[in-house]
C-alpha atoms as a PDB file:
ATOM      1  CA  MET A   1      13.597 -20.288 -18.261  1.00  0.00           C
ATOM      2  CA  ARG A   2      11.722 -18.117 -20.779  1.00  0.00           C
ATOM      3  CA  ASN A   3      12.869 -14.539 -21.336  1.00  0.00           C
ATOM      4  CA  ASP A   4       9.657 -13.080 -19.886  1.00  0.00           C
ATOM      5  CA  ASP A   5       9.838 -15.255 -16.764  1.00  0.00           C
ATOM      6  CA  ARG A   6      13.491 -14.443 -16.152  1.00  0.00           C
ATOM      7  CA  ARG A   7      12.925 -10.721 -16.638  1.00  0.00           C
ATOM      8  CA  LYS A   8      10.023 -10.815 -14.174  1.00  0.00           C
ATOM      9  CA  GLN A   9      12.303 -12.586 -11.718  1.00  0.00           C
ATOM     10  CA  ILE A  10      14.956  -9.901 -12.163  1.00  0.00           C
ATOM     11  CA  LEU A  11      12.436  -7.096 -11.785  1.00  0.00           C
ATOM     12  CA  GLU A  12      10.929  -8.615  -8.638  1.00  0.00           C
ATOM     13  CA  ILE A  13      14.377  -8.912  -7.031  1.00  0.00           C
ATOM     14  CA  VAL A  14      15.300  -5.329  -7.926  1.00  0.00           C
ATOM     15  CA  MET A  15      11.924  -4.013  -6.713  1.00  0.00           C
ATOM     16  CA  ALA A  16      12.336  -5.810  -3.403  1.00  0.00           C
ATOM     17  CA  GLU A  17      15.898  -4.543  -2.901  1.00  0.00           C
ATOM     18  CA  ASP A  18      15.389  -1.118  -4.523  1.00  0.00           C
ATOM     19  CA  SER A  19      19.112  -1.155  -5.377  1.00  0.00           C
ATOM     20  CA  ILE A  20      21.358  -4.198  -5.846  1.00  0.00           C
ATOM     21  CA  ARG A  21      24.852  -4.908  -7.154  1.00  0.00           C
ATOM     22  CA  VAL A  22      24.802  -6.450 -10.643  1.00  0.00           C
ATOM     23  CA  SER A  23      27.126  -9.283  -9.571  1.00  0.00           C
ATOM     24  CA  ASP A  24      24.806 -10.158  -6.668  1.00  0.00           C
ATOM     25  CA  LEU A  25      21.802 -10.097  -8.975  1.00  0.00           C
ATOM     26  CA  ILE A  26      23.503 -12.472 -11.426  1.00  0.00           C
ATOM     27  CA  ASP A  27      24.094 -14.947  -8.605  1.00  0.00           C
ATOM     28  CA  ARG A  28      20.378 -14.966  -7.740  1.00  0.00           C
ATOM     29  CA  VAL A  29      18.911 -15.259 -11.242  1.00  0.00           C
ATOM     30  CA  ASP A  30      18.427 -18.474 -13.217  1.00  0.00           C
ATOM     31  CA  GLY A  31      20.580 -17.656 -16.246  1.00  0.00           C
ATOM     32  CA  SER A  32      24.118 -17.006 -17.406  1.00  0.00           C
ATOM     33  CA  ALA A  33      25.858 -13.703 -16.681  1.00  0.00           C
ATOM     34  CA  ALA A  34      25.653 -12.712 -20.349  1.00  0.00           C
ATOM     35  CA  THR A  35      21.936 -13.517 -20.491  1.00  0.00           C
ATOM     36  CA  VAL A  36      21.179 -11.558 -17.337  1.00  0.00           C
ATOM     37  CA  ARG A  37      23.112  -8.553 -18.641  1.00  0.00           C
ATOM     38  CA  ARG A  38      21.077  -8.649 -21.872  1.00  0.00           C
ATOM     39  CA  ASP A  39      17.903  -8.755 -19.776  1.00  0.00           C
ATOM     40  CA  LEU A  40      19.126  -5.755 -17.788  1.00  0.00           C
ATOM     41  CA  THR A  41      19.678  -3.866 -21.031  1.00  0.00           C
ATOM     42  CA  PHE A  42      16.130  -4.702 -22.123  1.00  0.00           C
ATOM     43  CA  LEU A  43      14.636  -3.606 -18.783  1.00  0.00           C
ATOM     44  CA  GLU A  44      16.643  -0.387 -18.771  1.00  0.00           C
ATOM     45  CA  GLN A  45      15.659   0.492 -22.335  1.00  0.00           C
ATOM     46  CA  ASN A  46      12.005   0.017 -21.394  1.00  0.00           C
ATOM     47  CA  GLY A  47      12.261   2.230 -18.322  1.00  0.00           C
ATOM     48  CA  TYR A  48      11.993  -0.365 -15.542  1.00  0.00           C
ATOM     49  CA  ILE A  49      15.489  -0.029 -14.091  1.00  0.00           C
ATOM     50  CA  LEU A  50      18.532   2.226 -14.031  1.00  0.00           C
ATOM     51  CA  ARG A  51      22.116   0.923 -14.079  1.00  0.00           C
ATOM     52  CA  LYS A  52      24.961   2.950 -12.619  1.00  0.00           C
ATOM     53  CA  HIS A  53      28.416   2.111 -11.230  1.00  0.00           C
ATOM     54  CA  GLY A  54      27.764  -1.631 -11.123  1.00  0.00           C
ATOM     55  CA  PHE A  55      24.388  -1.325  -9.394  1.00  0.00           C
ATOM     56  CA  VAL A  56      20.821  -1.772 -10.601  1.00  0.00           C
ATOM     57  CA  LYS A  57      18.078   0.468  -9.199  1.00  0.00           C
ATOM     58  CA  TYR A  58      14.339   0.116  -9.583  1.00  0.00           C
ATOM     59  CA  VAL A  59      12.562   2.964 -11.406  1.00  0.00           C
ATOM     60  CA  GLN A  60       9.137   3.698  -9.968  1.00  0.00           C
ATOM     61  CA  PRO A  61       6.112   3.913 -12.294  1.00  0.00           C
ATOM     62  CA  GLU A  62       5.813   7.413 -13.721  1.00  0.00           C
ATOM     63  CA  MET A  63       2.669   8.234 -11.756  1.00  0.00           C
ATOM     64  CA  VAL A  64       4.417   7.733  -8.417  1.00  0.00           C
ATOM     65  CA  GLN A  65       7.943   8.889  -9.224  1.00  0.00           C
ATOM     66  CA  SER A  66       7.428  12.259  -7.564  1.00  0.00           C
ATOM     67  CA  ILE A  67       6.115  10.783  -4.312  1.00  0.00           C
ATOM     68  CA  GLU A  68       8.487  10.862  -1.363  1.00  0.00           C
ATOM     69  CA  PHE A  69       7.514   9.093   1.838  1.00  0.00           C
ATOM     70  CA  SER A  70       8.457  10.600   5.170  1.00  0.00           C
ATOM     71  CA  PRO A  71      10.579   8.483   7.557  1.00  0.00           C
ATOM     72  CA  GLU A  72       7.564   8.264   9.882  1.00  0.00           C
ATOM     73  CA  MET A  73       5.354   6.941   7.094  1.00  0.00           C
ATOM     74  CA  ILE A  74       7.941   4.325   6.129  1.00  0.00           C
ATOM     75  CA  GLU A  75       8.213   3.103   9.723  1.00  0.00           C
ATOM     76  CA  ILE A  76       4.419   2.836   9.928  1.00  0.00           C
ATOM     77  CA  ALA A  77       4.375   0.893   6.656  1.00  0.00           C
ATOM     78  CA  LYS A  78       7.024  -1.520   7.947  1.00  0.00           C
ATOM     79  CA  ALA A  79       5.029  -2.140  11.122  1.00  0.00           C
ATOM     80  CA  ALA A  80       1.874  -2.691   9.070  1.00  0.00           C
ATOM     81  CA  ALA A  81       3.639  -5.172   6.781  1.00  0.00           C
ATOM     82  CA  LYS A  82       4.322  -7.373   9.806  1.00  0.00           C
ATOM     83  CA  LEU A  83       0.559  -7.916  10.099  1.00  0.00           C
ATOM     84  CA  VAL A  84       0.376  -9.350   6.577  1.00  0.00           C
ATOM     85  CA  GLU A  85       1.038 -13.056   6.073  1.00  0.00           C
ATOM     86  CA  GLU A  86       1.556 -15.076   2.913  1.00  0.00           C
ATOM     87  CA  GLY A  87      -1.779 -16.337   1.633  1.00  0.00           C
ATOM     88  CA  ASP A  88      -3.673 -13.303   2.964  1.00  0.00           C
ATOM     89  CA  THR A  89      -6.329 -11.419   1.056  1.00  0.00           C
ATOM     90  CA  ILE A  90      -6.105  -7.741   1.947  1.00  0.00           C
ATOM     91  CA  MET A  91      -7.675  -4.473   0.877  1.00  0.00           C
ATOM     92  CA  LEU A  92      -5.600  -1.329   0.392  1.00  0.00           C
ATOM     93  CA  ASP A  93      -7.318   2.037   0.484  1.00  0.00           C
ATOM     94  CA  SER A  94      -5.963   4.837  -1.696  1.00  0.00           C
ATOM     95  CA  GLY A  95      -3.494   7.257  -0.122  1.00  0.00           C
ATOM     96  CA  PHE A  96       0.209   7.811   0.576  1.00  0.00           C
ATOM     97  CA  SER A  97       0.295   5.657   3.712  1.00  0.00           C
ATOM     98  CA  THR A  98      -1.211   2.630   1.977  1.00  0.00           C
ATOM     99  CA  LEU A  99       1.059   3.140  -1.039  1.00  0.00           C
ATOM    100  CA  ALA A 100       4.032   3.122   1.339  1.00  0.00           C
ATOM    101  CA  LEU A 101       2.737  -0.187   2.702  1.00  0.00           C
ATOM    102  CA  ALA A 102       2.411  -1.577  -0.825  1.00  0.00           C
ATOM    103  CA  TYR A 103       6.142  -1.034  -1.355  1.00  0.00           C
ATOM    104  CA  GLN A 104       6.825  -3.117   1.763  1.00  0.00           C
ATOM    105  CA  LEU A 105       4.755  -6.002   0.382  1.00  0.00           C
ATOM    106  CA  ILE A 106       6.441  -6.370  -3.013  1.00  0.00           C
ATOM    107  CA  SER A 107       8.570  -9.366  -2.049  1.00  0.00           C
ATOM    108  CA  MET A 108       5.713 -11.331  -0.441  1.00  0.00           C
ATOM    109  CA  ASN A 109       4.477 -14.525  -2.062  1.00  0.00           C
ATOM    110  CA  ASN A 110       0.894 -15.681  -2.563  1.00  0.00           C
ATOM    111  CA  LEU A 111      -0.794 -12.407  -1.660  1.00  0.00           C
ATOM    112  CA  THR A 112      -4.142 -11.147  -2.970  1.00  0.00           C
ATOM    113  CA  VAL A 113      -4.717  -7.384  -2.977  1.00  0.00           C
ATOM    114  CA  ILE A 114      -7.954  -5.494  -3.625  1.00  0.00           C
ATOM    115  CA  THR A 115      -7.556  -1.767  -4.200  1.00  0.00           C
ATOM    116  CA  ASN A 116      -9.060   1.337  -5.758  1.00  0.00           C
ATOM    117  CA  SER A 117      -5.651   3.027  -5.879  1.00  0.00           C
ATOM    118  CA  ILE A 118      -4.185   3.510  -9.354  1.00  0.00           C
ATOM    119  CA  PRO A 119      -0.563   3.892  -8.088  1.00  0.00           C
ATOM    120  CA  ILE A 120      -0.838   0.695  -6.022  1.00  0.00           C
ATOM    121  CA  ALA A 121      -2.244  -1.206  -8.999  1.00  0.00           C
ATOM    122  CA  ALA A 122       0.580   0.144 -11.177  1.00  0.00           C
ATOM    123  CA  LEU A 123       3.177  -0.856  -8.585  1.00  0.00           C
ATOM    124  CA  PHE A 124       1.952  -4.465  -8.483  1.00  0.00           C
ATOM    125  CA  ASN A 125       1.518  -4.671 -12.251  1.00  0.00           C
ATOM    126  CA  SER A 126       4.839  -6.463 -12.785  1.00  0.00           C
ATOM    127  CA  VAL A 127       4.745  -8.577  -9.622  1.00  0.00           C
ATOM    128  CA  GLU A 128       3.599 -12.051 -10.584  1.00  0.00           C
ATOM    129  CA  HIS A 129       3.209 -13.459  -7.076  1.00  0.00           C
ATOM    130  CA  ILE A 130       0.749 -10.751  -5.974  1.00  0.00           C
ATOM    131  CA  GLN A 131      -2.731 -11.131  -7.436  1.00  0.00           C
ATOM    132  CA  THR A 132      -4.301  -7.694  -7.748  1.00  0.00           C
ATOM    133  CA  TYR A 133      -7.987  -6.851  -8.129  1.00  0.00           C
ATOM    134  CA  VAL A 134      -8.835  -3.264  -9.064  1.00  0.00           C
ATOM    135  CA  THR A 135     -12.286  -1.909  -8.279  1.00  0.00           C
ATOM    136  CA  GLY A 136     -14.468  -0.312 -10.876  1.00  0.00           C
ATOM    137  CA  GLY A 137     -15.498   3.311 -10.666  1.00  0.00           C
ATOM    138  CA  PHE A 138     -14.494   6.625 -12.184  1.00  0.00           C
ATOM    139  CA  LEU A 139     -11.078   8.171 -11.747  1.00  0.00           C
ATOM    140  CA  ARG A 140     -10.655  11.051  -9.310  1.00  0.00           C
ATOM    141  CA  VAL A 141      -7.451  12.549 -10.673  1.00  0.00           C
ATOM    142  CA  ARG A 142      -6.653  14.484  -7.510  1.00  0.00           C
ATOM    143  CA  GLU A 143      -6.605  11.292  -5.414  1.00  0.00           C
ATOM    144  CA  ASN A 144      -5.417   8.984  -8.239  1.00  0.00           C
ATOM    145  CA  ALA A 145      -8.187   6.652  -7.116  1.00  0.00           C
ATOM    146  CA  LEU A 146     -11.318   4.974  -8.432  1.00  0.00           C
ATOM    147  CA  VAL A 147     -14.496   6.069  -6.662  1.00  0.00           C
ATOM    148  CA  GLY A 148     -18.238   6.225  -7.172  1.00  0.00           C
ATOM    149  CA  THR A 149     -21.077   3.693  -7.205  1.00  0.00           C
ATOM    150  CA  ASP A 150     -19.205   1.101  -9.265  1.00  0.00           C
ATOM    151  CA  ALA A 151     -16.244   1.192  -6.872  1.00  0.00           C
ATOM    152  CA  VAL A 152     -18.495   0.781  -3.854  1.00  0.00           C
ATOM    153  CA  GLU A 153     -20.467  -2.084  -5.411  1.00  0.00           C
ATOM    154  CA  SER A 154     -17.232  -3.806  -6.428  1.00  0.00           C
ATOM    155  CA  ILE A 155     -15.901  -3.681  -2.863  1.00  0.00           C
ATOM    156  CA  GLU A 156     -19.237  -4.820  -1.406  1.00  0.00           C
ATOM    157  CA  LYS A 157     -19.044  -8.008  -3.491  1.00  0.00           C
ATOM    158  CA  MET A 158     -15.629  -8.898  -2.035  1.00  0.00           C
ATOM    159  CA  HIS A 159     -14.277  -9.939   1.346  1.00  0.00           C
ATOM    160  CA  ALA A 160     -10.838  -9.641   2.942  1.00  0.00           C
ATOM    161  CA  GLY A 161      -9.232 -10.621   6.191  1.00  0.00           C
ATOM    162  CA  LYS A 162      -7.702  -7.170   6.634  1.00  0.00           C
ATOM    163  CA  VAL A 163      -8.183  -3.684   5.226  1.00  0.00           C
ATOM    164  CA  PHE A 164      -5.573  -0.957   5.588  1.00  0.00           C
ATOM    165  CA  LEU A 165      -7.039   2.547   5.560  1.00  0.00           C
ATOM    166  CA  SER A 166      -5.706   6.051   5.156  1.00  0.00           C
ATOM    167  CA  THR A 167      -7.456   9.093   6.587  1.00  0.00           C
ATOM    168  CA  THR A 168      -7.490  12.859   6.304  1.00  0.00           C
ATOM    169  CA  GLY A 169      -7.873  13.268  10.051  1.00  0.00           C
ATOM    170  CA  VAL A 170      -8.879  11.675  13.341  1.00  0.00           C
ATOM    171  CA  ARG A 171     -11.666  13.513  15.164  1.00  0.00           C
ATOM    172  CA  GLU A 172     -11.293  12.601  18.829  1.00  0.00           C
ATOM    173  CA  THR A 173     -15.008  12.754  19.544  1.00  0.00           C
ATOM    174  CA  SER A 174     -16.242  10.829  16.510  1.00  0.00           C
ATOM    175  CA  GLY A 175     -13.797   8.810  14.415  1.00  0.00           C
ATOM    176  CA  LEU A 176     -11.980   8.887  11.103  1.00  0.00           C
ATOM    177  CA  THR A 177     -12.648  11.713   8.686  1.00  0.00           C
ATOM    178  CA  CYS A 178     -12.227  12.485   4.994  1.00  0.00           C
ATOM    179  CA  VAL A 179     -12.962  15.348   2.641  1.00  0.00           C
ATOM    180  CA  SER A 180     -15.313  14.188  -0.097  1.00  0.00           C
ATOM    181  CA  ALA A 181     -18.455  12.086  -0.349  1.00  0.00           C
ATOM    182  CA  PHE A 182     -16.667   9.951  -2.945  1.00  0.00           C
ATOM    183  CA  GLN A 183     -13.980   9.007  -0.436  1.00  0.00           C
ATOM    184  CA  GLU A 184     -16.510   8.507   2.329  1.00  0.00           C
ATOM    185  CA  ASP A 185     -18.563   5.933   0.411  1.00  0.00           C
ATOM    186  CA  VAL A 186     -15.541   3.894  -0.684  1.00  0.00           C
ATOM    187  CA  LYS A 187     -13.918   3.917   2.747  1.00  0.00           C
ATOM    188  CA  ARG A 188     -17.163   2.835   4.408  1.00  0.00           C
ATOM    189  CA  ALA A 189     -17.424  -0.033   1.951  1.00  0.00           C
ATOM    190  CA  TYR A 190     -13.880  -1.102   2.827  1.00  0.00           C
ATOM    191  CA  VAL A 191     -14.683  -1.048   6.549  1.00  0.00           C
ATOM    192  CA  ASN A 192     -17.720  -3.280   6.045  1.00  0.00           C
ATOM    193  CA  ALA A 193     -15.923  -5.728   3.742  1.00  0.00           C
ATOM    194  CA  ALA A 194     -13.038  -6.773   6.022  1.00  0.00           C
ATOM    195  CA  ASP A 195     -12.716  -8.752   9.241  1.00  0.00           C
ATOM    196  CA  HIS A 196      -9.930  -6.590  10.666  1.00  0.00           C
ATOM    197  CA  VAL A 197      -9.824  -2.820  10.062  1.00  0.00           C
ATOM    198  CA  ILE A 198      -6.416  -1.158  10.378  1.00  0.00           C
ATOM    199  CA  LEU A 199      -5.706   2.570  10.144  1.00  0.00           C
ATOM    200  CA  LEU A 200      -2.289   3.866   9.069  1.00  0.00           C
ATOM    201  CA  ALA A 201      -1.797   7.420  10.329  1.00  0.00           C
ATOM    202  CA  THR A 202       1.098   9.659  11.316  1.00  0.00           C
ATOM    203  CA  ASP A 203       0.710  11.645  14.538  1.00  0.00           C
ATOM    204  CA  GLN A 204      -0.090  14.738  12.433  1.00  0.00           C
ATOM    205  CA  LYS A 205      -3.473  13.196  11.574  1.00  0.00           C
ATOM    206  CA  PHE A 206      -4.594  13.241  15.223  1.00  0.00           C
ATOM    207  CA  GLY A 207      -6.453  16.428  16.018  1.00  0.00           C
ATOM    208  CA  LYS A 208      -6.768  17.226  12.309  1.00  0.00           C
ATOM    209  CA  ASP A 209     -10.361  17.266  11.150  1.00  0.00           C
ATOM    210  CA  ALA A 210     -12.324  17.019   7.915  1.00  0.00           C
ATOM    211  CA  VAL A 211     -15.969  17.362   7.016  1.00  0.00           C
ATOM    212  CA  ARG A 212     -17.070  13.710   6.808  1.00  0.00           C
ATOM    213  CA  VAL A 213     -16.792  10.847   9.299  1.00  0.00           C
ATOM    214  CA  PHE A 214     -16.450   7.538   7.438  1.00  0.00           C
ATOM    215  CA  ALA A 215     -15.764   5.235  10.410  1.00  0.00           C
ATOM    216  CA  THR A 216     -16.357   5.373  14.155  1.00  0.00           C
ATOM    217  CA  PHE A 217     -13.758   4.129  16.628  1.00  0.00           C
ATOM    218  CA  GLU A 218     -16.005   1.133  17.359  1.00  0.00           C
ATOM    219  CA  GLN A 219     -15.408   0.013  13.763  1.00  0.00           C
ATOM    220  CA  ILE A 220     -11.602   0.185  13.994  1.00  0.00           C
ATOM    221  CA  ASP A 221      -9.518  -2.703  15.310  1.00  0.00           C
ATOM    222  CA  THR A 222      -5.981  -1.324  15.066  1.00  0.00           C
ATOM    223  CA  ILE A 223      -4.229   2.014  14.572  1.00  0.00           C
ATOM    224  CA  ILE A 224      -0.578   2.081  13.536  1.00  0.00           C
ATOM    225  CA  THR A 225       1.128   5.417  14.136  1.00  0.00           C
ATOM    226  CA  ASN A 226       4.584   6.824  14.847  1.00  0.00           C
ATOM    227  CA  LYS A 227       4.000   8.373  18.296  1.00  0.00           C
ATOM    228  CA  PRO A 228       1.826   7.568  21.322  1.00  0.00           C
ATOM    229  CA  VAL A 229      -1.554   9.308  21.202  1.00  0.00           C
ATOM    230  CA  ALA A 230      -1.046  12.681  22.893  1.00  0.00           C
ATOM    231  CA  SER A 231      -4.690  13.498  23.608  1.00  0.00           C
ATOM    232  CA  LYS A 232      -5.910  11.921  26.863  1.00  0.00           C
ATOM    233  CA  VAL A 233      -9.485  12.195  25.649  1.00  0.00           C
ATOM    234  CA  LEU A 234      -8.689  10.309  22.447  1.00  0.00           C
ATOM    235  CA  ALA A 235      -6.512   7.748  24.230  1.00  0.00           C
ATOM    236  CA  GLN A 236      -9.347   6.975  26.644  1.00  0.00           C
ATOM    237  CA  LYS A 237     -11.824   6.768  23.771  1.00  0.00           C
ATOM    238  CA  LEU A 238      -9.624   4.281  21.910  1.00  0.00           C
ATOM    239  CA  GLU A 239      -9.139   2.181  25.030  1.00  0.00           C
ATOM    240  CA  LYS A 240     -12.886   2.148  25.687  1.00  0.00           C
ATOM    241  CA  CYS A 241     -13.511   0.997  22.107  1.00  0.00           C
ATOM    242  CA  ASN A 242     -10.824  -1.712  22.376  1.00  0.00           C
ATOM    243  CA  VAL A 243      -8.738  -0.177  19.580  1.00  0.00           C
ATOM    244  CA  GLU A 244      -5.199  -1.534  19.580  1.00  0.00           C
ATOM    245  CA  VAL A 245      -2.586   1.210  19.076  1.00  0.00           C
ATOM    246  CA  ILE A 246       0.751   0.144  17.614  1.00  0.00           C
ATOM    247  CA  VAL A 247       3.539   2.718  17.780  1.00  0.00           C
ATOM    248  CA  ALA A 248       6.044   2.102  14.976  1.00  0.00           C
END
């Protein structure tokens, strides 16, 4: 096996496990113990991993190192990952909840991802078995996402079986909301480009509002959240619109 291929294999294993014992890693990699240890030295020197006390730990890309996911968000991401199958083509909106999902998908084989999220694209950069398409557009630094006319047109030219969305809030009388026109246009394009529209949202998003509605409840197929919907009005609205609610 070539050095590059073996190092990708090592990195994919470490990314999937987050932390793994060096001896266990050696058993799983196609190479001698000495060769694997040299590869680990290379990966550590280049900032991909950290070795300590006989363990190897994955080092997140610099742009997402400061992000910490809440336990609720991780549980939602795990539930969402169960809806993804090998061979799928999916779209991942920008946002913390979709980034949390991306971490759950690292070990999947034969997956195609379309995204406007810079952190998600960076995460999948070293994962050979996930084919990643990044939309065009201009970079909104605050969201770490590509937006604008080019992003929208890029998404409109593509199709996916599933799209996973984030949201600023859920307005119980109208639908899913966001803050800026840039977000609104991209999210609407995602909704129109996928067969199955899935929202990832913690319970804190329900009852929280923002200025722009980018999708009505009629356009949503599934909501994955961490608690049952507390509002009777919203629960009835979702039931009427045949929105499946999955509680992680």
